[in-house]
Amino acid sequence: PVKTGFKARDGWVFVEADYKSAELFTL
């Protein structure tokens, strides 16, 4: 995937949070 071209700097990590079934619960 294109996203894998983005790498964290040494000693760091990416952390991502996304809403679960956001549109479903919002509806």
PDB file of all heavy atoms in Angstrom:
ATOM      1  N   PRO A   1       0.826  -1.217   0.000  1.00  0.00           N
ATOM      2  CA  PRO A   1       0.000   0.000   0.000  1.00  0.00           C
ATOM      3  C   PRO A   1       0.855   1.260   0.000  1.00  0.00           C
ATOM      4  O   PRO A   1       1.965   1.264   0.551  1.00  0.00           O
ATOM      5  CB  PRO A   1      -0.795  -0.123   1.305  1.00  0.00           C
ATOM      6  CG  PRO A   1      -0.766  -1.572   1.652  1.00  0.00           C
ATOM      7  CD  PRO A   1       0.540  -2.089   1.141  1.00  0.00           C
ATOM      8  N   VAL A   2       0.348   2.315  -0.616  1.00  0.00           N
ATOM      9  CA  VAL A   2       1.079   3.583  -0.677  1.00  0.00           C
ATOM     10  C   VAL A   2       1.448   4.069   0.723  1.00  0.00           C
ATOM     11  O   VAL A   2       2.524   4.635   0.944  1.00  0.00           O
ATOM     12  CB  VAL A   2       0.232   4.642  -1.420  1.00  0.00           C
ATOM     13  CG1 VAL A   2       0.878   6.010  -1.322  1.00  0.00           C
ATOM     14  CG2 VAL A   2       0.059   4.250  -2.882  1.00  0.00           C
ATOM     15  N   LYS A   3       0.571   3.816   1.681  1.00  0.00           N
ATOM     16  CA  LYS A   3       0.817   4.296   3.046  1.00  0.00           C
ATOM     17  C   LYS A   3       2.128   3.776   3.630  1.00  0.00           C
ATOM     18  O   LYS A   3       2.742   4.422   4.481  1.00  0.00           O
ATOM     19  CB  LYS A   3      -0.336   3.874   3.967  1.00  0.00           C
ATOM     20  CG  LYS A   3      -1.624   4.657   3.785  1.00  0.00           C
ATOM     21  CD  LYS A   3      -2.660   4.179   4.785  1.00  0.00           C
ATOM     22  CE  LYS A   3      -3.947   4.978   4.683  1.00  0.00           C
ATOM     23  NZ  LYS A   3      -4.946   4.516   5.678  1.00  0.00           N
ATOM     24  N   THR A   4       2.543   2.578   3.199  1.00  0.00           N
ATOM     25  CA  THR A   4       3.752   2.008   3.799  1.00  0.00           C
ATOM     26  C   THR A   4       5.006   2.797   3.421  1.00  0.00           C
ATOM     27  O   THR A   4       6.079   2.563   3.974  1.00  0.00           O
ATOM     28  CB  THR A   4       3.938   0.536   3.373  1.00  0.00           C
ATOM     29  OG1 THR A   4       4.007   0.469   1.935  1.00  0.00           O
ATOM     30  CG2 THR A   4       2.787  -0.316   3.861  1.00  0.00           C
ATOM     31  N   GLY A   5       4.879   3.732   2.491  1.00  0.00           N
ATOM     32  CA  GLY A   5       6.005   4.600   2.155  1.00  0.00           C
ATOM     33  C   GLY A   5       6.320   5.599   3.254  1.00  0.00           C
ATOM     34  O   GLY A   5       7.376   6.235   3.240  1.00  0.00           O
ATOM     35  N   PHE A   6       5.420   5.744   4.224  1.00  0.00           N
ATOM     36  CA  PHE A   6       5.638   6.671   5.345  1.00  0.00           C
ATOM     37  C   PHE A   6       6.156   5.880   6.545  1.00  0.00           C
ATOM     38  O   PHE A   6       5.465   5.002   7.055  1.00  0.00           O
ATOM     39  CB  PHE A   6       4.340   7.391   5.705  1.00  0.00           C
ATOM     40  CG  PHE A   6       3.834   8.284   4.619  1.00  0.00           C
ATOM     41  CD1 PHE A   6       3.020   7.785   3.604  1.00  0.00           C
ATOM     42  CD2 PHE A   6       4.168   9.640   4.587  1.00  0.00           C
ATOM     43  CE1 PHE A   6       2.565   8.613   2.588  1.00  0.00           C
ATOM     44  CE2 PHE A   6       3.713  10.462   3.579  1.00  0.00           C
ATOM     45  CZ  PHE A   6       2.910   9.950   2.572  1.00  0.00           C
ATOM     46  N   LYS A   7       7.360   6.200   6.980  1.00  0.00           N
ATOM     47  CA  LYS A   7       7.996   5.469   8.075  1.00  0.00           C
ATOM     48  C   LYS A   7       8.291   6.415   9.239  1.00  0.00           C
ATOM     49  O   LYS A   7       8.728   7.542   9.032  1.00  0.00           O
ATOM     50  CB  LYS A   7       9.296   4.827   7.570  1.00  0.00           C
ATOM     51  CG  LYS A   7       9.996   3.939   8.597  1.00  0.00           C
ATOM     52  CD  LYS A   7      11.253   3.335   8.015  1.00  0.00           C
ATOM     53  CE  LYS A   7      11.930   2.395   9.007  1.00  0.00           C
ATOM     54  NZ  LYS A   7      12.280   3.069  10.272  1.00  0.00           N
ATOM     55  N   ALA A   8       8.035   5.921  10.440  1.00  0.00           N
ATOM     56  CA  ALA A   8       8.342   6.717  11.631  1.00  0.00           C
ATOM     57  C   ALA A   8       9.851   6.880  11.771  1.00  0.00           C
ATOM     58  O   ALA A   8      10.623   6.026  11.319  1.00  0.00           O
ATOM     59  CB  ALA A   8       7.765   6.038  12.871  1.00  0.00           C
ATOM     60  N   ARG A   9      10.276   7.961  12.419  1.00  0.00           N
ATOM     61  CA  ARG A   9      11.701   8.137  12.652  1.00  0.00           C
ATOM     62  C   ARG A   9      12.192   7.109  13.670  1.00  0.00           C
ATOM     63  O   ARG A   9      11.390   6.506  14.390  1.00  0.00           O
ATOM     64  CB  ARG A   9      11.995   9.562  13.127  1.00  0.00           C
ATOM     65  CG  ARG A   9      11.546   9.883  14.522  1.00  0.00           C
ATOM     66  CD  ARG A   9      12.171  11.197  15.014  1.00  0.00           C
ATOM     67  NE  ARG A   9      11.703  12.335  14.232  1.00  0.00           N
ATOM     68  CZ  ARG A   9      10.812  13.217  14.680  1.00  0.00           C
ATOM     69  NH1 ARG A   9      10.313  13.089  15.893  1.00  0.00           N
ATOM     70  NH2 ARG A   9      10.434  14.232  13.935  1.00  0.00           N
ATOM     71  N   ASP A  10      13.469   6.903  13.713  1.00  0.00           N
ATOM     72  CA  ASP A  10      14.049   5.897  14.614  1.00  0.00           C
ATOM     73  C   ASP A  10      13.629   6.150  16.060  1.00  0.00           C
ATOM     74  O   ASP A  10      13.718   7.274  16.564  1.00  0.00           O
ATOM     75  CB  ASP A  10      15.584   5.923  14.534  1.00  0.00           C
ATOM     76  CG  ASP A  10      16.098   5.401  13.197  1.00  0.00           C
ATOM     77  OD1 ASP A  10      15.301   4.741  12.497  1.00  0.00           O
ATOM     78  OD2 ASP A  10      17.267   5.662  12.870  1.00  0.00           O
ATOM     79  N   GLY A  11      13.166   5.077  16.700  1.00  0.00           N
ATOM     80  CA  GLY A  11      12.752   5.176  18.096  1.00  0.00           C
ATOM     81  C   GLY A  11      11.345   5.707  18.283  1.00  0.00           C
ATOM     82  O   GLY A  11      10.887   5.866  19.419  1.00  0.00           O
ATOM     83  N   TRP A  12      10.645   5.983  17.187  1.00  0.00           N
ATOM     84  CA  TRP A  12       9.269   6.501  17.233  1.00  0.00           C
ATOM     85  C   TRP A  12       8.328   5.528  16.519  1.00  0.00           C
ATOM     86  O   TRP A  12       8.770   4.655  15.766  1.00  0.00           O
ATOM     87  CB  TRP A  12       9.188   7.879  16.563  1.00  0.00           C
ATOM     88  CG  TRP A  12       9.774   9.001  17.367  1.00  0.00           C
ATOM     89  CD1 TRP A  12      11.016   9.046  17.943  1.00  0.00           C
ATOM     90  CD2 TRP A  12       9.139  10.242  17.677  1.00  0.00           C
ATOM     91  NE1 TRP A  12      11.207  10.242  18.600  1.00  0.00           N
ATOM     92  CE2 TRP A  12      10.073  11.005  18.447  1.00  0.00           C
ATOM     93  CE3 TRP A  12       7.903  10.807  17.389  1.00  0.00           C
ATOM     94  CZ2 TRP A  12       9.780  12.284  18.934  1.00  0.00           C
ATOM     95  CZ3 TRP A  12       7.617  12.080  17.864  1.00  0.00           C
ATOM     96  CH2 TRP A  12       8.536  12.803  18.630  1.00  0.00           C
ATOM     97  N   VAL A  13       7.029   5.711  16.745  1.00  0.00           N
ATOM     98  CA  VAL A  13       5.997   4.932  16.048  1.00  0.00           C
ATOM     99  C   VAL A  13       4.838   5.852  15.676  1.00  0.00           C
ATOM    100  O   VAL A  13       4.681   6.938  16.239  1.00  0.00           O
ATOM    101  CB  VAL A  13       5.454   3.773  16.916  1.00  0.00           C
ATOM    102  CG1 VAL A  13       6.493   2.701  17.116  1.00  0.00           C
ATOM    103  CG2 VAL A  13       4.927   4.303  18.248  1.00  0.00           C
ATOM    104  N   PHE A  14       4.060   5.386  14.725  1.00  0.00           N
ATOM    105  CA  PHE A  14       2.791   6.030  14.423  1.00  0.00           C
ATOM    106  C   PHE A  14       1.723   5.395  15.306  1.00  0.00           C
ATOM    107  O   PHE A  14       1.761   4.179  15.570  1.00  0.00           O
ATOM    108  CB  PHE A  14       2.381   5.826  12.963  1.00  0.00           C
ATOM    109  CG  PHE A  14       3.243   6.539  11.964  1.00  0.00           C
ATOM    110  CD1 PHE A  14       3.845   5.848  10.936  1.00  0.00           C
ATOM    111  CD2 PHE A  14       3.434   7.909  12.049  1.00  0.00           C
ATOM    112  CE1 PHE A  14       4.637   6.502  10.004  1.00  0.00           C
ATOM    113  CE2 PHE A  14       4.229   8.575  11.128  1.00  0.00           C
ATOM    114  CZ  PHE A  14       4.828   7.870  10.102  1.00  0.00           C
ATOM    115  N   VAL A  15       0.763   6.183  15.763  1.00  0.00           N
ATOM    116  CA  VAL A  15      -0.398   5.649  16.470  1.00  0.00           C
ATOM    117  C   VAL A  15      -1.629   6.309  15.867  1.00  0.00           C
ATOM    118  O   VAL A  15      -1.681   7.527  15.707  1.00  0.00           O
ATOM    119  CB  VAL A  15      -0.302   5.880  18.006  1.00  0.00           C
ATOM    120  CG1 VAL A  15      -0.089   7.349  18.344  1.00  0.00           C
ATOM    121  CG2 VAL A  15      -1.546   5.357  18.705  1.00  0.00           C
ATOM    122  N   GLU A  16      -2.590   5.482  15.495  1.00  0.00           N
ATOM    123  CA  GLU A  16      -3.779   5.961  14.789  1.00  0.00           C
ATOM    124  C   GLU A  16      -5.039   5.482  15.502  1.00  0.00           C
ATOM    125  O   GLU A  16      -5.103   4.330  15.950  1.00  0.00           O
ATOM    126  CB  GLU A  16      -3.775   5.441  13.349  1.00  0.00           C
ATOM    127  CG  GLU A  16      -4.967   5.918  12.526  1.00  0.00           C
ATOM    128  CD  GLU A  16      -4.975   5.323  11.125  1.00  0.00           C
ATOM    129  OE1 GLU A  16      -5.231   4.110  10.997  1.00  0.00           O
ATOM    130  OE2 GLU A  16      -4.717   6.064  10.169  1.00  0.00           O
ATOM    131  N   ALA A  17      -6.016   6.352  15.588  1.00  0.00           N
ATOM    132  CA  ALA A  17      -7.319   5.975  16.131  1.00  0.00           C
ATOM    133  C   ALA A  17      -8.387   6.349  15.113  1.00  0.00           C
ATOM    134  O   ALA A  17      -8.325   7.425  14.513  1.00  0.00           O
ATOM    135  CB  ALA A  17      -7.585   6.685  17.463  1.00  0.00           C
ATOM    136  N   ASP A  18      -9.334   5.447  14.900  1.00  0.00           N
ATOM    137  CA  ASP A  18     -10.438   5.761  13.990  1.00  0.00           C
ATOM    138  C   ASP A  18     -11.752   5.350  14.636  1.00  0.00           C
ATOM    139  O   ASP A  18     -11.814   4.377  15.389  1.00  0.00           O
ATOM    140  CB  ASP A  18     -10.260   5.085  12.632  1.00  0.00           C
ATOM    141  CG  ASP A  18     -10.340   3.572  12.734  1.00  0.00           C
ATOM    142  OD1 ASP A  18      -9.419   2.985  13.325  1.00  0.00           O
ATOM    143  OD2 ASP A  18     -11.314   2.980  12.247  1.00  0.00           O
ATOM    144  N   TYR A  19     -12.785   6.123  14.349  1.00  0.00           N
ATOM    145  CA  TYR A  19     -14.096   5.850  14.925  1.00  0.00           C
ATOM    146  C   TYR A  19     -14.669   4.544  14.368  1.00  0.00           C
ATOM    147  O   TYR A  19     -14.620   4.299  13.164  1.00  0.00           O
ATOM    148  CB  TYR A  19     -15.057   6.999  14.627  1.00  0.00           C
ATOM    149  CG  TYR A  19     -14.772   8.247  15.427  1.00  0.00           C
ATOM    150  CD1 TYR A  19     -14.438   9.437  14.795  1.00  0.00           C
ATOM    151  CD2 TYR A  19     -14.843   8.237  16.811  1.00  0.00           C
ATOM    152  CE1 TYR A  19     -14.176  10.590  15.527  1.00  0.00           C
ATOM    153  CE2 TYR A  19     -14.589   9.380  17.553  1.00  0.00           C
ATOM    154  CZ  TYR A  19     -14.257  10.553  16.911  1.00  0.00           C
ATOM    155  OH  TYR A  19     -13.991  11.685  17.639  1.00  0.00           O
ATOM    156  N   LYS A  20     -15.203   3.714  15.259  1.00  0.00           N
ATOM    157  CA  LYS A  20     -15.783   2.432  14.858  1.00  0.00           C
ATOM    158  C   LYS A  20     -17.202   2.633  14.334  1.00  0.00           C
ATOM    159  O   LYS A  20     -18.059   3.143  15.051  1.00  0.00           O
ATOM    160  CB  LYS A  20     -15.801   1.465  16.046  1.00  0.00           C
ATOM    161  CG  LYS A  20     -14.433   1.037  16.521  1.00  0.00           C
ATOM    162  CD  LYS A  20     -14.509  -0.106  17.516  1.00  0.00           C
ATOM    163  CE  LYS A  20     -15.019   0.330  18.855  1.00  0.00           C
ATOM    164  NZ  LYS A  20     -14.914  -0.742  19.880  1.00  0.00           N
ATOM    165  N   SER A  21     -17.435   2.225  13.070  1.00  0.00           N
ATOM    166  CA  SER A  21     -18.768   2.306  12.474  1.00  0.00           C
ATOM    167  C   SER A  21     -19.400   3.671  12.741  1.00  0.00           C
ATOM    168  O   SER A  21     -20.561   3.767  13.156  1.00  0.00           O
ATOM    169  CB  SER A  21     -19.675   1.191  13.024  1.00  0.00           C
ATOM    170  OG  SER A  21     -19.110  -0.075  12.797  1.00  0.00           O
ATOM    171  N   ALA A  22     -18.623   4.726  12.505  1.00  0.00           N
ATOM    172  CA  ALA A  22     -19.046   6.074  12.881  1.00  0.00           C
ATOM    173  C   ALA A  22     -20.374   6.479  12.257  1.00  0.00           C
ATOM    174  O   ALA A  22     -21.273   6.975  12.940  1.00  0.00           O
ATOM    175  CB  ALA A  22     -17.964   7.086  12.497  1.00  0.00           C
ATOM    176  N   GLU A  23     -20.512   6.261  10.933  1.00  0.00           N
ATOM    177  CA  GLU A  23     -21.747   6.684  10.265  1.00  0.00           C
ATOM    178  C   GLU A  23     -22.954   5.894  10.772  1.00  0.00           C
ATOM    179  O   GLU A  23     -24.048   6.426  10.912  1.00  0.00           O
ATOM    180  CB  GLU A  23     -21.625   6.520   8.744  1.00  0.00           C
ATOM    181  CG  GLU A  23     -20.707   7.531   8.087  1.00  0.00           C
ATOM    182  CD  GLU A  23     -19.304   6.988   7.931  1.00  0.00           C
ATOM    183  OE1 GLU A  23     -18.999   5.942   8.558  1.00  0.00           O
ATOM    184  OE2 GLU A  23     -18.507   7.603   7.201  1.00  0.00           O
ATOM    185  N   LEU A  24     -22.726   4.614  11.069  1.00  0.00           N
ATOM    186  CA  LEU A  24     -23.816   3.753  11.541  1.00  0.00           C
ATOM    187  C   LEU A  24     -24.360   4.255  12.872  1.00  0.00           C
ATOM    188  O   LEU A  24     -25.572   4.413  13.055  1.00  0.00           O
ATOM    189  CB  LEU A  24     -23.291   2.325  11.675  1.00  0.00           C
ATOM    190  CG  LEU A  24     -24.312   1.191  11.645  1.00  0.00           C
ATOM    191  CD1 LEU A  24     -25.004   1.135  10.310  1.00  0.00           C
ATOM    192  CD2 LEU A  24     -23.627  -0.129  11.940  1.00  0.00           C
ATOM    193  N   PHE A  25     -23.455   4.506  13.822  1.00  0.00           N
ATOM    194  CA  PHE A  25     -23.884   4.982  15.137  1.00  0.00           C
ATOM    195  C   PHE A  25     -24.439   6.404  15.055  1.00  0.00           C
ATOM    196  O   PHE A  25     -25.398   6.741  15.764  1.00  0.00           O
ATOM    197  CB  PHE A  25     -22.719   4.913  16.127  1.00  0.00           C
ATOM    198  CG  PHE A  25     -22.476   3.536  16.664  1.00  0.00           C
ATOM    199  CD1 PHE A  25     -21.626   2.661  16.010  1.00  0.00           C
ATOM    200  CD2 PHE A  25     -23.115   3.100  17.810  1.00  0.00           C
ATOM    201  CE1 PHE A  25     -21.405   1.378  16.493  1.00  0.00           C
ATOM    202  CE2 PHE A  25     -22.911   1.831  18.308  1.00  0.00           C
ATOM    203  CZ  PHE A  25     -22.051   0.951  17.641  1.00  0.00           C
ATOM    204  N   THR A  26     -23.863   7.228  14.191  1.00  0.00           N
ATOM    205  CA  THR A  26     -24.376   8.587  14.034  1.00  0.00           C
ATOM    206  C   THR A  26     -25.793   8.568  13.484  1.00  0.00           C
ATOM    207  O   THR A  26     -26.655   9.328  13.938  1.00  0.00           O
ATOM    208  CB  THR A  26     -23.457   9.402  13.101  1.00  0.00           C
ATOM    209  OG1 THR A  26     -22.153   9.480  13.693  1.00  0.00           O
ATOM    210  CG2 THR A  26     -23.979  10.813  12.900  1.00  0.00           C
ATOM    211  N   LEU A  27     -26.053   7.696  12.520  1.00  0.00           N
ATOM    212  CA  LEU A  27     -27.411   7.550  11.982  1.00  0.00           C
ATOM    213  C   LEU A  27     -28.377   7.152  13.088  1.00  0.00           C
ATOM    214  O   LEU A  27     -29.475   7.709  13.203  1.00  0.00           O
ATOM    215  CB  LEU A  27     -27.413   6.505  10.872  1.00  0.00           C
ATOM    216  CG  LEU A  27     -28.786   6.153  10.271  1.00  0.00           C
ATOM    217  CD1 LEU A  27     -29.408   7.373   9.600  1.00  0.00           C
ATOM    218  CD2 LEU A  27     -28.657   4.999   9.278  1.00  0.00           C
TER     219      LEU A  27
END
